[in-house]
Amino acid sequence: MNSGILALQRALPRLSSSERRVADAVLARPLVVVESTISQLASLCDTSPGTVARLCRAAGFSGYKDFRIAVGTAHAHADPAEGVFRVSDAEIAASDSLADVVAKVASQQVRAIENTARAVDLDALDIVASALRDAPRVDVFGIGSSGLAASDLHIKLHRLGIPSVHWTDTHLALTSVAVTRPGAVAIAVSHTGQTHEAVEFLALAERQGARTVAITNAPHSPLGRAAELLLATVAEEDVFRAGAMSSRLAQMAIIDFLYVRLVQGDVAGTDVMLRATRAAVEGHRAP
């Protein structure tokens, strides 16, 4: 993955509207950075060179020159095999053919999983897995589309014999973590990291001594700042997102990373648990 583009994607939540306009143009066609001077890119996006420079600094670069080099170098060494689904990085348009829609959705989703895998903090991932393994209780909070990933995490933990609850009711979630204790783990899932209820949930859990984890696309969001441990996704939603598409898969990827790491820690014990849970429902499957 292009390191410059990945850094730009991570910076999106904290950009101003004018900076976001430049970022959108670059994400739609990264080569525009290689082909344009800072003034040309600014003119193309109807903004000033200063705005472009601020965008580069927000993405972690010293200036446009360094950002341009990062994008250009990565493009020069791109793997041709990466083009399987990448017919276009542009947003889905109302006029697109069905074939283009399928290809673009596949491209966005593959890219979200790949970028998340490249960007995830492996040390934090390992610490979270260890905390879950030893936790007397795990409270998981996620509502709306993020509730799907939160529910999946709860189910996976449950099948491994780790006591967990997925809360969708804010009052129940808060009353649960209000009586939690040190060693417990509280996990909140939110793509934007701006869900007030999720932030309140983690803050209360932290005051009670629980380890707190945020799964979010916005590391610098209120939720990202509220958590002790951060597992960041990297997913850009299209205007046709229809209830979250790429973000949902990126969240699921984080959860699968955790699940497999937990299984690795106790292969024999996990096998017993999974056999028992499969046997419990075997009689409910049609022959």
Protein backbone atom coordinates (compact mmCIF):
# COMPACT_ATOMS: atom_id res chain seq x y z
CA MET A 1 0.00 0.00 0.00
CA ASN A 2 1.20 3.52 -0.82
CA SER A 3 2.49 4.88 2.51
CA GLY A 4 1.59 8.45 1.59
CA ILE A 5 -1.98 7.51 0.74
CA LEU A 6 -2.32 5.38 3.86
CA ALA A 7 -1.13 8.28 6.03
CA LEU A 8 -3.59 10.56 4.25
CA GLN A 9 -6.48 8.17 4.92
CA ARG A 10 -5.58 8.06 8.60
CA ALA A 11 -5.60 11.86 8.76
CA LEU A 12 -9.09 12.29 7.22
CA PRO A 13 -11.09 12.62 10.48
CA ARG A 14 -9.13 15.69 11.62
CA LEU A 15 -8.96 17.63 8.34
CA SER A 16 -10.67 20.95 7.66
CA SER A 17 -13.17 21.16 4.81
CA SER A 18 -10.62 22.71 2.42
CA GLU A 19 -7.97 20.14 3.37
CA ARG A 20 -10.51 17.36 2.92
CA ARG A 21 -11.24 18.63 -0.60
CA VAL A 22 -7.57 18.18 -1.51
CA ALA A 23 -7.42 14.79 0.22
CA ASP A 24 -10.46 13.57 -1.71
CA ALA A 25 -8.84 14.55 -5.01
CA VAL A 26 -5.61 12.74 -4.10
CA LEU A 27 -7.41 9.61 -2.89
CA ALA A 28 -9.47 9.51 -6.08
CA ARG A 29 -6.31 9.68 -8.23
CA PRO A 30 -3.00 9.44 -6.31
CA LEU A 31 -0.91 10.12 -9.44
CA VAL A 32 -2.16 13.71 -9.39
CA VAL A 33 0.44 14.30 -6.65
CA VAL A 34 3.26 13.02 -8.85
CA GLU A 35 2.09 15.03 -11.85
CA SER A 36 1.41 18.33 -10.07
CA THR A 37 3.36 21.01 -8.25
CA ILE A 38 1.90 22.22 -4.98
CA SER A 39 0.45 25.27 -6.75
CA GLN A 40 -1.10 23.16 -9.51
CA LEU A 41 -2.72 20.80 -7.00
CA ALA A 42 -4.02 23.75 -5.01
CA SER A 43 -5.50 25.31 -8.14
CA LEU A 44 -7.08 22.01 -9.15
CA CYS A 45 -8.81 21.82 -5.76
CA ASP A 46 -9.75 25.51 -5.67
CA THR A 47 -7.66 26.22 -2.60
CA SER A 48 -4.26 27.63 -1.62
CA PRO A 49 -0.79 26.06 -1.54
CA GLY A 50 -0.82 26.69 2.21
CA THR A 51 -3.81 24.38 2.57
CA VAL A 52 -1.99 21.64 0.65
CA ALA A 53 1.07 22.10 2.88
CA ARG A 54 -1.06 21.85 6.03
CA LEU A 55 -2.64 18.67 4.66
CA CYS A 56 0.81 17.13 4.14
CA ARG A 57 1.81 17.98 7.72
CA ALA A 58 -1.47 16.54 9.03
CA ALA A 59 -0.56 13.29 7.27
CA GLY A 60 2.82 13.24 9.03
CA PHE A 61 5.09 14.65 6.32
CA SER A 62 7.38 17.66 6.62
CA GLY A 63 5.91 19.16 3.47
CA TYR A 64 4.61 18.58 -0.05
CA LYS A 65 8.00 17.45 -1.35
CA ASP A 66 8.22 14.55 1.12
CA PHE A 67 4.60 13.60 0.53
CA ARG A 68 5.12 13.65 -3.24
CA ILE A 69 8.21 11.44 -2.96
CA ALA A 70 6.35 8.90 -0.78
CA VAL A 71 3.46 8.66 -3.23
CA GLY A 72 5.71 8.49 -6.29
CA THR A 73 8.10 5.89 -4.87
CA ALA A 74 5.28 3.59 -3.82
CA HIS A 75 3.64 3.93 -7.24
CA ALA A 76 6.88 3.05 -9.02
CA HIS A 77 7.18 -0.17 -7.00
CA ALA A 78 3.51 -1.12 -7.12
CA ASP A 79 2.71 -4.81 -7.57
CA PRO A 80 0.80 -5.36 -10.86
CA ALA A 81 -1.15 -8.14 -9.14
CA GLU A 82 -2.79 -5.52 -6.95
CA GLY A 83 -4.88 -4.43 -9.92
CA VAL A 84 -7.18 -7.46 -9.91
CA PHE A 85 -10.16 -5.54 -8.50
CA ARG A 86 -8.83 -2.03 -8.78
CA VAL A 87 -10.54 -0.91 -11.98
CA SER A 88 -10.91 2.51 -10.43
CA ASP A 89 -10.36 4.25 -7.10
CA ALA A 90 -13.11 6.72 -7.93
CA GLU A 91 -16.38 6.77 -6.03
CA ILE A 92 -19.32 4.77 -7.33
CA ALA A 93 -21.44 6.88 -9.65
CA ALA A 94 -25.15 6.62 -10.36
CA SER A 95 -24.29 6.03 -14.03
CA ASP A 96 -21.91 3.10 -13.36
CA SER A 97 -22.65 -0.26 -14.95
CA LEU A 98 -23.36 -3.21 -12.67
CA ALA A 99 -19.94 -4.65 -13.55
CA ASP A 100 -18.26 -1.41 -12.46
CA VAL A 101 -20.30 -1.32 -9.24
CA VAL A 102 -19.25 -4.86 -8.34
CA ALA A 103 -15.60 -4.15 -9.18
CA LYS A 104 -15.52 -0.87 -7.25
CA VAL A 105 -17.20 -2.32 -4.16
CA ALA A 106 -14.78 -5.27 -4.24
CA SER A 107 -11.86 -2.87 -4.63
CA GLN A 108 -12.95 -0.72 -1.70
CA GLN A 109 -13.48 -3.71 0.56
CA VAL A 110 -10.24 -5.47 -0.34
CA ARG A 111 -8.38 -2.19 0.15
CA ALA A 112 -9.99 -1.61 3.57
CA ILE A 113 -8.90 -5.02 4.85
CA GLU A 114 -5.39 -4.72 3.39
CA ASN A 115 -4.87 -1.21 4.75
CA THR A 116 -6.19 -2.17 8.18
CA ALA A 117 -3.86 -5.18 8.31
CA ARG A 118 -0.88 -3.00 7.38
CA ALA A 119 -1.72 -0.22 9.83
CA VAL A 120 -2.87 -2.13 12.92
CA ASP A 121 -0.65 -1.77 15.98
CA LEU A 122 0.61 -5.34 16.50
CA ASP A 123 1.80 -4.63 20.03
CA ALA A 124 -1.60 -3.26 21.01
CA LEU A 125 -3.30 -6.21 19.32
CA ASP A 126 -1.23 -8.66 21.36
CA ILE A 127 -1.87 -6.78 24.61
CA VAL A 128 -5.62 -6.77 23.97
CA ALA A 129 -5.62 -10.51 23.21
CA SER A 130 -3.73 -11.18 26.44
CA ALA A 131 -6.11 -8.99 28.43
CA LEU A 132 -9.13 -10.78 26.95
CA ARG A 133 -7.63 -14.18 27.74
CA ASP A 134 -7.28 -13.28 31.43
CA ALA A 135 -10.39 -11.12 31.83
CA PRO A 136 -13.05 -12.19 34.34
CA ARG A 137 -15.57 -10.33 32.17
CA VAL A 138 -15.66 -8.46 28.87
CA ASP A 139 -18.20 -5.73 28.12
CA VAL A 140 -18.57 -4.83 24.44
CA PHE A 141 -20.47 -1.74 23.25
CA GLY A 142 -21.44 -0.96 19.67
CA ILE A 143 -24.60 0.46 18.16
CA GLY A 144 -25.87 0.93 14.62
CA SER A 145 -23.67 -0.67 11.97
CA SER A 146 -20.80 -0.94 14.47
CA GLY A 147 -23.10 -3.13 16.54
CA LEU A 148 -22.66 -5.89 13.93
CA ALA A 149 -18.93 -6.07 14.59
CA ALA A 150 -19.45 -5.77 18.35
CA SER A 151 -21.93 -8.65 18.26
CA ASP A 152 -19.50 -10.78 16.25
CA LEU A 153 -16.78 -10.15 18.83
CA HIS A 154 -19.10 -11.15 21.67
CA ILE A 155 -20.09 -14.38 19.90
CA LYS A 156 -16.46 -15.31 19.20
CA LEU A 157 -15.42 -14.67 22.80
CA HIS A 158 -18.40 -16.63 24.07
CA ARG A 159 -17.43 -19.66 21.97
CA LEU A 160 -13.94 -19.52 23.47
CA GLY A 161 -15.37 -19.60 26.98
CA ILE A 162 -14.56 -15.95 27.73
CA PRO A 163 -17.47 -14.34 29.64
CA SER A 164 -18.69 -11.44 27.52
CA VAL A 165 -21.75 -9.31 26.88
CA HIS A 166 -22.57 -7.09 23.90
CA TRP A 167 -24.60 -4.06 24.95
CA THR A 168 -26.74 -2.03 22.55
CA ASP A 169 -28.72 -0.27 25.28
CA THR A 170 -26.70 2.63 26.68
CA HIS A 171 -28.24 2.49 30.16
CA LEU A 172 -27.55 -1.23 30.51
CA ALA A 173 -24.00 -0.78 29.22
CA LEU A 174 -23.29 1.97 31.74
CA THR A 175 -24.81 0.11 34.68
CA SER A 176 -22.72 -2.93 33.75
CA VAL A 177 -19.35 -1.16 33.65
CA ALA A 178 -20.30 0.83 36.76
CA VAL A 179 -19.86 -2.39 38.76
CA THR A 180 -16.94 -3.85 36.81
CA ARG A 181 -13.61 -4.46 38.50
CA PRO A 182 -9.88 -4.33 37.75
CA GLY A 183 -8.84 -6.94 35.21
CA ALA A 184 -12.10 -6.71 33.28
CA VAL A 185 -12.05 -5.39 29.72
CA ALA A 186 -14.39 -2.87 28.08
CA ILE A 187 -14.38 -2.58 24.28
CA ALA A 188 -16.20 0.08 22.25
CA VAL A 189 -16.64 -0.10 18.47
CA SER A 190 -17.34 3.06 16.45
CA HIS A 191 -16.20 3.91 12.92
CA THR A 192 -16.17 7.68 13.47
CA GLY A 193 -15.11 7.54 17.12
CA GLN A 194 -17.61 10.31 17.81
CA THR A 195 -20.44 8.28 19.35
CA HIS A 196 -21.05 9.98 22.71
CA GLU A 197 -22.42 6.84 24.32
CA ALA A 198 -19.30 4.83 23.41
CA VAL A 199 -17.00 7.50 24.85
CA GLU A 200 -19.02 7.64 28.08
CA PHE A 201 -18.96 3.83 28.29
CA LEU A 202 -15.15 3.66 28.10
CA ALA A 203 -14.63 6.59 30.47
CA LEU A 204 -16.76 4.98 33.18
CA ALA A 205 -15.12 1.59 32.67
CA GLU A 206 -11.68 3.18 33.06
CA ARG A 207 -12.70 4.85 36.32
CA GLN A 208 -13.72 1.43 37.64
CA GLY A 209 -10.32 -0.04 36.81
CA ALA A 210 -11.14 -1.94 33.61
CA ARG A 211 -8.81 -2.01 30.63
CA THR A 212 -10.39 -0.03 27.82
CA VAL A 213 -10.14 -0.70 24.08
CA ALA A 214 -11.40 1.32 21.10
CA ILE A 215 -11.90 -0.13 17.63
CA THR A 216 -12.25 2.93 15.41
CA ASN A 217 -11.24 4.46 12.11
CA ALA A 218 -10.38 7.73 13.84
CA PRO A 219 -7.44 7.41 16.26
CA HIS A 220 -7.57 11.08 17.22
CA SER A 221 -11.33 11.09 17.84
CA PRO A 222 -12.90 11.40 21.31
CA LEU A 223 -13.21 7.61 21.48
CA GLY A 224 -9.63 7.05 20.36
CA ARG A 225 -8.39 9.44 23.05
CA ALA A 226 -10.60 7.85 25.72
CA ALA A 227 -9.18 4.34 25.29
CA GLU A 228 -6.11 2.85 26.91
CA LEU A 229 -5.58 0.63 23.87
CA LEU A 230 -6.40 1.53 20.27
CA LEU A 231 -7.06 -0.85 17.39
CA ALA A 232 -7.44 1.36 14.33
CA THR A 233 -9.18 0.47 11.11
CA VAL A 234 -8.40 2.15 7.78
CA ALA A 235 -11.54 2.31 5.65
CA GLU A 236 -12.91 5.08 3.47
CA GLU A 237 -16.66 5.05 2.95
CA ASP A 238 -18.20 5.83 -0.43
CA VAL A 239 -21.19 8.13 -0.88
CA PHE A 240 -23.17 4.93 -1.63
CA ARG A 241 -22.08 3.34 1.67
CA ALA A 242 -25.62 2.12 2.45
CA GLY A 243 -25.20 1.53 6.16
CA ALA A 244 -21.43 0.99 6.19
CA MET A 245 -19.62 -1.38 3.87
CA SER A 246 -15.84 -1.03 3.96
CA SER A 247 -15.84 0.10 7.59
CA ARG A 248 -17.82 -2.96 8.66
CA LEU A 249 -15.36 -5.33 7.00
CA ALA A 250 -12.37 -3.50 8.47
CA GLN A 251 -13.88 -3.82 11.95
CA MET A 252 -14.55 -7.51 11.35
CA ALA A 253 -10.93 -7.95 10.27
CA ILE A 254 -9.69 -6.52 13.59
CA ILE A 255 -11.98 -8.92 15.44
CA ASP A 256 -10.75 -11.87 13.39
CA PHE A 257 -7.13 -10.89 14.15
CA LEU A 258 -7.98 -10.97 17.86
CA TYR A 259 -9.86 -14.24 17.60
CA VAL A 260 -7.04 -16.10 15.86
CA ARG A 261 -4.50 -14.70 18.33
CA LEU A 262 -6.64 -15.97 21.21
CA VAL A 263 -6.89 -19.41 19.59
CA GLN A 264 -3.10 -19.50 19.16
CA GLY A 265 -2.69 -18.97 22.90
CA ASP A 266 -4.57 -22.16 23.80
CA VAL A 267 -5.00 -24.42 20.79
CA ALA A 268 -5.95 -27.53 22.78
CA GLY A 269 -8.40 -25.72 25.05
CA THR A 270 -9.94 -23.87 22.14
CA ASP A 271 -10.46 -27.12 20.24
CA VAL A 272 -12.43 -28.53 23.18
CA MET A 273 -14.58 -25.38 23.37
CA LEU A 274 -15.32 -25.27 19.65
CA ARG A 275 -16.16 -28.98 19.52
CA ALA A 276 -18.57 -28.52 22.43
CA THR A 277 -20.31 -25.53 20.87
CA ARG A 278 -20.63 -27.29 17.51
CA ALA A 279 -22.05 -30.40 19.18
CA ALA A 280 -24.61 -28.31 21.05
CA VAL A 281 -26.31 -27.20 17.82
CA GLU A 282 -25.61 -30.23 15.63
CA GLY A 283 -29.13 -31.58 16.07
CA HIS A 284 -30.60 -28.36 14.67
CA ARG A 285 -29.04 -28.78 11.23
CA ALA A 286 -31.02 -30.35 8.42
CA PRO A 287 -29.63 -33.71 7.23
